Amino acid sequence: MDWYPWVVLIHVSGAFGFVLGHGTSVLVAFRLRSEREPARVTALLDLSGSSLAMMYGALLLLLIAGIVAGFMGGYWGHVWIWVALGLFVVIVVAMYPLGTQHYAKVRHAFGLKSYQDKADAPPPEPASAVVQAALLASPQPWILAVVGGGGLLIILWLMVVKPF
């Protein structure tokens, strides 16, 4: 039995799971730009945070199955797979601080602890409405969309077209 199609299916399923899990955070990021009601902002932030476990699990599945598929398909001698993997690492390394630091500031501004805070730390004091509005109006969702979405499209192009 040829296991390669099954590994590719797992890889693609990981990609779908990643987009499904991370899509929640993407939609929330853009919705927050027009939201000013603190209760709604905190609910949206909690919704976004709850999707991260699925996103990271699917991302790991996508990565592992992609590496295995690369070996099974004999692609490690091709440049495109190295460029795709390198771009994947660059995107992950860039997206983590770009998203995490900004949304930690937003969470703190609304009196919520971020994932970087110690578990026993008290919640921060909410910031003024002016500071909250400035953080919510940030262009950060667009930066994240260009880096993450654009990078994802380039990786998809590399995998489908295999240009080099």
N, C-alpha and C. Protein backbone atom coordinates (compact mmCIF):
# COMPACT_ATOMS: atom_id res chain seq x y z
N MET A 1 0.85 -1.19 0.00
CA MET A 1 0.00 0.00 0.00
C MET A 1 0.89 1.24 0.00
N ASP A 2 0.49 2.21 -0.79
CA ASP A 2 1.22 3.47 -0.89
C ASP A 2 0.68 4.44 0.16
N TRP A 3 1.51 4.77 1.15
CA TRP A 3 1.09 5.66 2.24
C TRP A 3 1.24 7.14 1.90
N TYR A 4 1.93 7.46 0.83
CA TYR A 4 2.18 8.86 0.49
C TYR A 4 0.89 9.69 0.37
N PRO A 5 -0.13 9.21 -0.36
CA PRO A 5 -1.37 10.01 -0.45
C PRO A 5 -2.01 10.25 0.92
N TRP A 6 -1.89 9.28 1.82
CA TRP A 6 -2.46 9.42 3.16
C TRP A 6 -1.71 10.48 3.97
N VAL A 7 -0.40 10.50 3.83
CA VAL A 7 0.41 11.50 4.53
C VAL A 7 0.10 12.90 3.98
N VAL A 8 -0.04 13.00 2.67
CA VAL A 8 -0.41 14.29 2.07
C VAL A 8 -1.80 14.71 2.55
N LEU A 9 -2.72 13.76 2.65
CA LEU A 9 -4.05 14.07 3.17
C LEU A 9 -3.97 14.61 4.60
N ILE A 10 -3.13 13.99 5.42
CA ILE A 10 -2.95 14.47 6.79
C ILE A 10 -2.34 15.87 6.78
N HIS A 11 -1.37 16.09 5.90
CA HIS A 11 -0.74 17.41 5.77
C HIS A 11 -1.78 18.47 5.38
N VAL A 12 -2.57 18.19 4.39
CA VAL A 12 -3.60 19.13 3.93
C VAL A 12 -4.67 19.31 5.00
N SER A 13 -5.02 18.23 5.70
CA SER A 13 -5.98 18.33 6.80
C SER A 13 -5.44 19.23 7.91
N GLY A 14 -4.15 19.11 8.19
CA GLY A 14 -3.51 20.00 9.16
C GLY A 14 -3.61 21.46 8.72
N ALA A 15 -3.44 21.68 7.41
CA ALA A 15 -3.55 23.05 6.88
C ALA A 15 -4.98 23.58 7.05
N PHE A 16 -5.96 22.73 6.74
CA PHE A 16 -7.35 23.14 6.93
C PHE A 16 -7.66 23.40 8.40
N GLY A 17 -7.17 22.54 9.28
CA GLY A 17 -7.38 22.73 10.72
C GLY A 17 -6.72 24.01 11.21
N PHE A 18 -5.53 24.29 10.70
CA PHE A 18 -4.84 25.52 11.07
C PHE A 18 -5.65 26.74 10.64
N VAL A 19 -6.10 26.74 9.40
CA VAL A 19 -6.88 27.88 8.89
C VAL A 19 -8.20 28.01 9.64
N LEU A 20 -8.83 26.89 9.95
CA LEU A 20 -10.08 26.93 10.71
C LEU A 20 -9.85 27.50 12.11
N GLY A 21 -8.84 27.00 12.80
CA GLY A 21 -8.56 27.48 14.15
C GLY A 21 -8.06 28.92 14.17
N HIS A 22 -7.18 29.24 13.24
CA HIS A 22 -6.61 30.58 13.23
C HIS A 22 -7.56 31.60 12.60
N GLY A 23 -8.46 31.12 11.78
CA GLY A 23 -9.44 32.02 11.16
C GLY A 23 -10.27 32.76 12.19
N THR A 24 -10.55 32.11 13.30
CA THR A 24 -11.29 32.76 14.38
C THR A 24 -10.53 33.98 14.87
N SER A 25 -9.23 33.81 15.12
CA SER A 25 -8.42 34.93 15.60
C SER A 25 -8.31 36.03 14.55
N VAL A 26 -8.23 35.66 13.30
CA VAL A 26 -8.14 36.65 12.22
C VAL A 26 -9.42 37.49 12.18
N LEU A 27 -10.56 36.82 12.20
CA LEU A 27 -11.83 37.55 12.17
C LEU A 27 -12.01 38.44 13.40
N VAL A 28 -11.62 37.92 14.56
CA VAL A 28 -11.70 38.71 15.78
C VAL A 28 -10.81 39.93 15.68
N ALA A 29 -9.59 39.76 15.16
CA ALA A 29 -8.65 40.88 15.04
C ALA A 29 -9.26 42.03 14.24
N PHE A 30 -9.94 41.71 13.15
CA PHE A 30 -10.55 42.76 12.34
C PHE A 30 -11.83 43.30 12.98
N ARG A 31 -12.58 42.44 13.65
CA ARG A 31 -13.81 42.90 14.33
C ARG A 31 -13.48 43.84 15.48
N LEU A 32 -12.38 43.59 16.18
CA LEU A 32 -11.99 44.45 17.31
C LEU A 32 -11.73 45.88 16.87
N ARG A 33 -11.34 46.08 15.63
CA ARG A 33 -11.04 47.44 15.15
C ARG A 33 -12.25 48.36 15.24
N SER A 34 -13.46 47.80 15.16
CA SER A 34 -14.65 48.64 15.21
C SER A 34 -15.44 48.50 16.51
N GLU A 35 -14.90 47.74 17.44
CA GLU A 35 -15.62 47.49 18.70
C GLU A 35 -15.05 48.39 19.81
N ARG A 36 -15.95 48.98 20.62
CA ARG A 36 -15.49 49.82 21.73
C ARG A 36 -16.12 49.43 23.06
N GLU A 37 -17.12 48.60 23.05
CA GLU A 37 -17.79 48.15 24.27
C GLU A 37 -16.89 47.15 25.00
N PRO A 38 -16.40 47.50 26.21
CA PRO A 38 -15.45 46.62 26.91
C PRO A 38 -15.91 45.18 27.07
N ALA A 39 -17.16 44.96 27.38
CA ALA A 39 -17.64 43.58 27.57
C ALA A 39 -17.54 42.78 26.27
N ARG A 40 -17.86 43.43 25.16
CA ARG A 40 -17.78 42.75 23.87
C ARG A 40 -16.32 42.51 23.47
N VAL A 41 -15.45 43.48 23.76
CA VAL A 41 -14.03 43.32 23.44
C VAL A 41 -13.46 42.14 24.22
N THR A 42 -13.75 42.06 25.51
CA THR A 42 -13.21 40.96 26.31
C THR A 42 -13.77 39.61 25.85
N ALA A 43 -15.03 39.58 25.45
CA ALA A 43 -15.62 38.34 24.94
C ALA A 43 -14.93 37.92 23.64
N LEU A 44 -14.68 38.88 22.77
CA LEU A 44 -14.00 38.57 21.51
C LEU A 44 -12.57 38.09 21.75
N LEU A 45 -11.87 38.74 22.68
CA LEU A 45 -10.51 38.31 23.01
C LEU A 45 -10.49 36.90 23.58
N ASP A 46 -11.46 36.57 24.42
CA ASP A 46 -11.55 35.22 24.96
C ASP A 46 -11.87 34.20 23.87
N LEU A 47 -12.74 34.57 22.94
CA LEU A 47 -13.06 33.69 21.81
C LEU A 47 -11.81 33.42 20.99
N SER A 48 -11.07 34.45 20.69
CA SER A 48 -9.84 34.30 19.92
C SER A 48 -8.85 33.40 20.65
N GLY A 49 -8.68 33.61 21.93
CA GLY A 49 -7.76 32.80 22.72
C GLY A 49 -8.15 31.35 22.77
N SER A 50 -9.45 31.09 22.74
CA SER A 50 -9.91 29.69 22.83
C SER A 50 -9.62 28.90 21.56
N SER A 51 -9.34 29.57 20.47
CA SER A 51 -9.08 28.87 19.21
C SER A 51 -7.60 28.53 19.03
N LEU A 52 -6.75 29.02 19.93
CA LEU A 52 -5.31 28.85 19.74
C LEU A 52 -4.84 27.40 19.90
N ALA A 53 -5.45 26.64 20.79
CA ALA A 53 -5.04 25.25 20.97
C ALA A 53 -5.24 24.47 19.68
N MET A 54 -6.38 24.67 19.04
CA MET A 54 -6.63 23.98 17.76
C MET A 54 -5.62 24.44 16.72
N MET A 55 -5.36 25.74 16.68
CA MET A 55 -4.44 26.28 15.69
C MET A 55 -3.04 25.68 15.85
N TYR A 56 -2.52 25.66 17.08
CA TYR A 56 -1.18 25.14 17.29
C TYR A 56 -1.10 23.64 17.07
N GLY A 57 -2.13 22.90 17.47
CA GLY A 57 -2.15 21.46 17.22
C GLY A 57 -2.16 21.15 15.73
N ALA A 58 -2.98 21.86 14.99
CA ALA A 58 -3.06 21.65 13.54
C ALA A 58 -1.77 22.08 12.86
N LEU A 59 -1.15 23.15 13.36
CA LEU A 59 0.12 23.61 12.80
C LEU A 59 1.20 22.55 12.98
N LEU A 60 1.23 21.92 14.12
CA LEU A 60 2.20 20.85 14.37
C LEU A 60 1.93 19.67 13.45
N LEU A 61 0.68 19.29 13.30
CA LEU A 61 0.30 18.20 12.40
C LEU A 61 0.72 18.52 10.97
N LEU A 62 0.44 19.73 10.54
CA LEU A 62 0.79 20.20 9.20
C LEU A 62 2.30 20.09 8.98
N LEU A 63 3.08 20.55 9.94
CA LEU A 63 4.53 20.54 9.82
C LEU A 63 5.08 19.12 9.77
N ILE A 64 4.67 18.29 10.70
CA ILE A 64 5.19 16.91 10.75
C ILE A 64 4.82 16.14 9.49
N ALA A 65 3.56 16.20 9.10
CA ALA A 65 3.12 15.47 7.90
C ALA A 65 3.79 16.03 6.65
N GLY A 66 4.04 17.34 6.61
CA GLY A 66 4.73 17.94 5.46
C GLY A 66 6.16 17.46 5.35
N ILE A 67 6.84 17.35 6.48
CA ILE A 67 8.22 16.86 6.47
C ILE A 67 8.25 15.39 6.04
N VAL A 68 7.33 14.59 6.59
CA VAL A 68 7.26 13.17 6.21
C VAL A 68 6.94 13.04 4.72
N ALA A 69 5.98 13.82 4.23
CA ALA A 69 5.62 13.77 2.80
C ALA A 69 6.81 14.18 1.93
N GLY A 70 7.61 15.13 2.41
CA GLY A 70 8.80 15.54 1.67
C GLY A 70 9.78 14.39 1.51
N PHE A 71 9.96 13.60 2.57
CA PHE A 71 10.84 12.43 2.48
C PHE A 71 10.23 11.36 1.57
N MET A 72 8.94 11.09 1.78
CA MET A 72 8.29 10.04 1.00
C MET A 72 8.25 10.37 -0.49
N GLY A 73 8.09 11.66 -0.81
CA GLY A 73 8.02 12.08 -2.20
C GLY A 73 9.38 12.35 -2.82
N GLY A 74 10.43 12.28 -2.02
CA GLY A 74 11.77 12.53 -2.54
C GLY A 74 12.01 13.98 -2.93
N TYR A 75 11.39 14.91 -2.18
CA TYR A 75 11.47 16.33 -2.54
C TYR A 75 12.60 17.09 -1.88
N TRP A 76 13.33 16.49 -0.94
CA TRP A 76 14.33 17.24 -0.19
C TRP A 76 15.52 17.65 -1.05
N GLY A 77 15.63 17.12 -2.25
CA GLY A 77 16.67 17.54 -3.18
C GLY A 77 16.24 18.72 -4.04
N HIS A 78 15.01 19.19 -3.86
CA HIS A 78 14.48 20.31 -4.64
C HIS A 78 14.53 21.59 -3.81
N VAL A 79 14.75 22.69 -4.47
CA VAL A 79 14.88 23.97 -3.77
C VAL A 79 13.54 24.44 -3.22
N TRP A 80 12.45 24.20 -3.92
CA TRP A 80 11.15 24.75 -3.52
C TRP A 80 10.76 24.33 -2.12
N ILE A 81 11.05 23.06 -1.73
CA ILE A 81 10.63 22.60 -0.41
C ILE A 81 11.44 23.29 0.69
N TRP A 82 12.70 23.56 0.42
CA TRP A 82 13.53 24.27 1.40
C TRP A 82 13.09 25.72 1.55
N VAL A 83 12.73 26.33 0.43
CA VAL A 83 12.22 27.71 0.47
C VAL A 83 10.90 27.74 1.24
N ALA A 84 10.02 26.78 0.97
CA ALA A 84 8.73 26.71 1.66
C ALA A 84 8.93 26.51 3.16
N LEU A 85 9.81 25.60 3.55
CA LEU A 85 10.06 25.35 4.96
C LEU A 85 10.71 26.56 5.63
N GLY A 86 11.66 27.17 4.95
CA GLY A 86 12.30 28.38 5.48
C GLY A 86 11.30 29.51 5.65
N LEU A 87 10.43 29.68 4.67
CA LEU A 87 9.40 30.72 4.75
C LEU A 87 8.43 30.41 5.88
N PHE A 88 8.09 29.15 6.06
CA PHE A 88 7.22 28.73 7.17
C PHE A 88 7.83 29.16 8.50
N VAL A 89 9.12 28.88 8.69
CA VAL A 89 9.80 29.25 9.93
C VAL A 89 9.82 30.76 10.11
N VAL A 90 10.12 31.50 9.05
CA VAL A 90 10.15 32.97 9.13
C VAL A 90 8.78 33.51 9.51
N ILE A 91 7.74 32.97 8.91
CA ILE A 91 6.38 33.44 9.21
C ILE A 91 6.03 33.17 10.67
N VAL A 92 6.30 31.95 11.15
CA VAL A 92 5.99 31.61 12.55
C VAL A 92 6.78 32.51 13.49
N VAL A 93 8.06 32.69 13.21
CA VAL A 93 8.91 33.53 14.08
C VAL A 93 8.42 34.99 14.05
N ALA A 94 7.98 35.47 12.91
CA ALA A 94 7.50 36.86 12.81
C ALA A 94 6.12 37.02 13.42
N MET A 95 5.23 36.08 13.15
CA MET A 95 3.85 36.23 13.60
C MET A 95 3.70 36.16 15.11
N TYR A 96 4.51 35.33 15.75
CA TYR A 96 4.36 35.19 17.20
C TYR A 96 4.54 36.52 17.92
N PRO A 97 5.65 37.22 17.74
CA PRO A 97 5.76 38.50 18.45
C PRO A 97 4.81 39.57 17.90
N LEU A 98 4.59 39.59 16.60
CA LEU A 98 3.70 40.61 16.02
C LEU A 98 2.29 40.49 16.59
N GLY A 99 1.81 39.28 16.74
CA GLY A 99 0.46 39.09 17.26
C GLY A 99 0.41 39.06 18.78
N THR A 100 1.30 38.30 19.38
CA THR A 100 1.26 38.10 20.83
C THR A 100 1.49 39.40 21.60
N GLN A 101 2.48 40.15 21.21
CA GLN A 101 2.78 41.38 21.94
C GLN A 101 1.65 42.40 21.82
N HIS A 102 1.13 42.54 20.62
CA HIS A 102 0.04 43.52 20.43
C HIS A 102 -1.20 43.11 21.23
N TYR A 103 -1.60 41.86 21.12
CA TYR A 103 -2.84 41.44 21.80
C TYR A 103 -2.65 41.30 23.30
N ALA A 104 -1.42 41.13 23.77
CA ALA A 104 -1.16 41.21 25.22
C ALA A 104 -1.43 42.63 25.69
N LYS A 105 -1.02 43.63 24.91
CA LYS A 105 -1.29 45.03 25.27
C LYS A 105 -2.80 45.31 25.26
N VAL A 106 -3.50 44.77 24.27
CA VAL A 106 -4.95 44.97 24.19
C VAL A 106 -5.63 44.31 25.40
N ARG A 107 -5.23 43.09 25.70
CA ARG A 107 -5.82 42.39 26.86
C ARG A 107 -5.57 43.19 28.14
N HIS A 108 -4.35 43.66 28.33
CA HIS A 108 -4.02 44.44 29.53
C HIS A 108 -4.84 45.73 29.57
N ALA A 109 -5.01 46.38 28.42
CA ALA A 109 -5.78 47.63 28.38
C ALA A 109 -7.22 47.43 28.81
N PHE A 110 -7.73 46.21 28.65
CA PHE A 110 -9.11 45.92 29.04
C PHE A 110 -9.19 45.14 30.35
N GLY A 111 -8.07 45.14 31.11
CA GLY A 111 -8.07 44.51 32.43
C GLY A 111 -7.99 43.01 32.43
N LEU A 112 -7.50 42.43 31.34
CA LEU A 112 -7.37 40.98 31.25
C LEU A 112 -5.90 40.59 31.29
N LYS A 113 -5.64 39.46 31.91
CA LYS A 113 -4.28 38.93 31.89
C LYS A 113 -4.00 38.37 30.50
N SER A 114 -2.74 38.44 30.11
CA SER A 114 -2.35 37.85 28.84
C SER A 114 -1.71 36.50 29.11
N TYR A 115 -1.40 35.79 28.07
CA TYR A 115 -0.79 34.47 28.21
C TYR A 115 0.65 34.57 28.69
N GLN A 116 1.20 35.78 28.67
CA GLN A 116 2.56 35.99 29.13
C GLN A 116 2.61 36.25 30.64
N ASP A 117 1.48 36.55 31.25
CA ASP A 117 1.43 36.87 32.68
C ASP A 117 1.48 35.60 33.51
N LYS A 118 2.03 35.72 34.70
CA LYS A 118 2.06 34.59 35.62
C LYS A 118 0.64 34.27 36.07
N ALA A 119 0.39 33.00 36.30
CA ALA A 119 -0.95 32.55 36.67
C ALA A 119 -1.46 33.19 37.95
N ASP A 120 -0.57 33.43 38.90
CA ASP A 120 -1.00 33.99 40.18
C ASP A 120 -0.95 35.52 40.22
N ALA A 121 -0.59 36.15 39.10
CA ALA A 121 -0.56 37.61 39.05
C ALA A 121 -1.98 38.16 39.01
N PRO A 122 -2.20 39.30 39.66
CA PRO A 122 -3.55 39.89 39.60
C PRO A 122 -3.80 40.47 38.21
N PRO A 123 -5.07 40.57 37.84
CA PRO A 123 -5.36 41.17 36.54
C PRO A 123 -4.91 42.63 36.52
N PRO A 124 -4.48 43.13 35.37
CA PRO A 124 -4.05 44.52 35.29
C PRO A 124 -5.23 45.48 35.40
N GLU A 125 -4.93 46.70 35.77
CA GLU A 125 -5.95 47.75 35.79
C GLU A 125 -6.29 48.13 34.35
N PRO A 126 -7.57 48.27 34.01
CA PRO A 126 -7.92 48.70 32.65
C PRO A 126 -7.36 50.08 32.35
N ALA A 127 -7.00 50.28 31.11
CA ALA A 127 -6.49 51.57 30.65
C ALA A 127 -7.66 52.50 30.35
N SER A 128 -7.33 53.73 30.05
CA SER A 128 -8.36 54.71 29.71
C SER A 128 -9.02 54.34 28.38
N ALA A 129 -10.20 54.89 28.15
CA ALA A 129 -10.92 54.63 26.90
C ALA A 129 -10.12 55.11 25.70
N VAL A 130 -9.34 56.16 25.87
CA VAL A 130 -8.52 56.69 24.78
C VAL A 130 -7.43 55.69 24.40
N VAL A 131 -6.76 55.13 25.41
CA VAL A 131 -5.72 54.13 25.16
C VAL A 131 -6.34 52.88 24.54
N GLN A 132 -7.47 52.46 25.06
CA GLN A 132 -8.15 51.28 24.51
C GLN A 132 -8.49 51.48 23.04
N ALA A 133 -9.07 52.64 22.73
CA ALA A 133 -9.47 52.94 21.35
C ALA A 133 -8.25 52.97 20.42
N ALA A 134 -7.15 53.54 20.90
CA ALA A 134 -5.94 53.60 20.08
C ALA A 134 -5.41 52.20 19.78
N LEU A 135 -5.41 51.33 20.77
CA LEU A 135 -4.94 49.96 20.55
C LEU A 135 -5.85 49.21 19.59
N LEU A 136 -7.15 49.41 19.74
CA LEU A 136 -8.10 48.71 18.87
C LEU A 136 -8.05 49.21 17.44
N ALA A 137 -7.68 50.48 17.26
CA ALA A 137 -7.62 51.06 15.92
C ALA A 137 -6.28 50.77 15.22
N SER A 138 -5.40 50.09 15.89
CA SER A 138 -4.07 49.78 15.35
C SER A 138 -4.17 49.07 13.99
N PRO A 139 -3.21 49.33 13.11
CA PRO A 139 -3.17 48.61 11.83
C PRO A 139 -2.60 47.19 11.97
N GLN A 140 -2.33 46.74 13.18
CA GLN A 140 -1.70 45.44 13.40
C GLN A 140 -2.41 44.28 12.72
N PRO A 141 -3.76 44.22 12.70
CA PRO A 141 -4.40 43.12 11.98
C PRO A 141 -4.01 43.07 10.50
N TRP A 142 -3.84 44.23 9.89
CA TRP A 142 -3.44 44.27 8.47
C TRP A 142 -2.01 43.77 8.29
N ILE A 143 -1.14 44.16 9.20
CA ILE A 143 0.25 43.70 9.14
C ILE A 143 0.30 42.19 9.29
N LEU A 144 -0.45 41.67 10.27
CA LEU A 144 -0.50 40.23 10.48
C LEU A 144 -1.10 39.51 9.26
N ALA A 145 -2.12 40.08 8.66
CA ALA A 145 -2.76 39.45 7.49
C ALA A 145 -1.81 39.41 6.30
N VAL A 146 -1.06 40.47 6.10
CA VAL A 146 -0.11 40.50 4.98
C VAL A 146 1.02 39.50 5.20
N VAL A 147 1.60 39.52 6.40
CA VAL A 147 2.71 38.60 6.69
C VAL A 147 2.22 37.15 6.68
N GLY A 148 1.17 36.86 7.43
CA GLY A 148 0.69 35.48 7.54
C GLY A 148 -0.03 35.00 6.29
N GLY A 149 -0.99 35.78 5.83
CA GLY A 149 -1.77 35.37 4.66
C GLY A 149 -0.94 35.37 3.39
N GLY A 150 -0.13 36.42 3.22
CA GLY A 150 0.74 36.48 2.04
C GLY A 150 1.75 35.36 2.04
N GLY A 151 2.35 35.11 3.20
CA GLY A 151 3.31 34.02 3.31
C GLY A 151 2.68 32.67 3.04
N LEU A 152 1.48 32.47 3.55
CA LEU A 152 0.76 31.21 3.32
C LEU A 152 0.48 31.00 1.83
N LEU A 153 0.10 32.07 1.13
CA LEU A 153 -0.14 31.96 -0.32
C LEU A 153 1.14 31.62 -1.08
N ILE A 154 2.27 32.19 -0.66
CA ILE A 154 3.54 31.88 -1.32
C ILE A 154 3.91 30.42 -1.09
N ILE A 155 3.73 29.94 0.15
CA ILE A 155 4.02 28.52 0.44
C ILE A 155 3.10 27.62 -0.39
N LEU A 156 1.83 27.97 -0.48
CA LEU A 156 0.89 27.18 -1.28
C LEU A 156 1.33 27.14 -2.74
N TRP A 157 1.74 28.29 -3.27
CA TRP A 157 2.23 28.36 -4.65
C TRP A 157 3.45 27.45 -4.83
N LEU A 158 4.39 27.51 -3.88
CA LEU A 158 5.57 26.66 -3.97
C LEU A 158 5.21 25.18 -3.98
N MET A 159 4.27 24.78 -3.14
CA MET A 159 3.89 23.37 -3.05
C MET A 159 3.15 22.89 -4.29
N VAL A 160 2.32 23.74 -4.87
CA VAL A 160 1.51 23.33 -6.02
C VAL A 160 2.32 23.41 -7.31
N VAL A 161 3.03 24.51 -7.51
CA VAL A 161 3.75 24.73 -8.77
C VAL A 161 5.12 24.05 -8.79
N LYS A 162 5.76 23.95 -7.62
CA LYS A 162 7.10 23.37 -7.49
C LYS A 162 8.03 23.98 -8.56
N PRO A 163 8.23 25.31 -8.48
CA PRO A 163 8.93 26.01 -9.56
C PRO A 163 10.41 25.71 -9.69
N PHE A 164 11.03 25.24 -8.65
CA PHE A 164 12.47 24.95 -8.73
C PHE A 164 12.85 23.88 -7.73
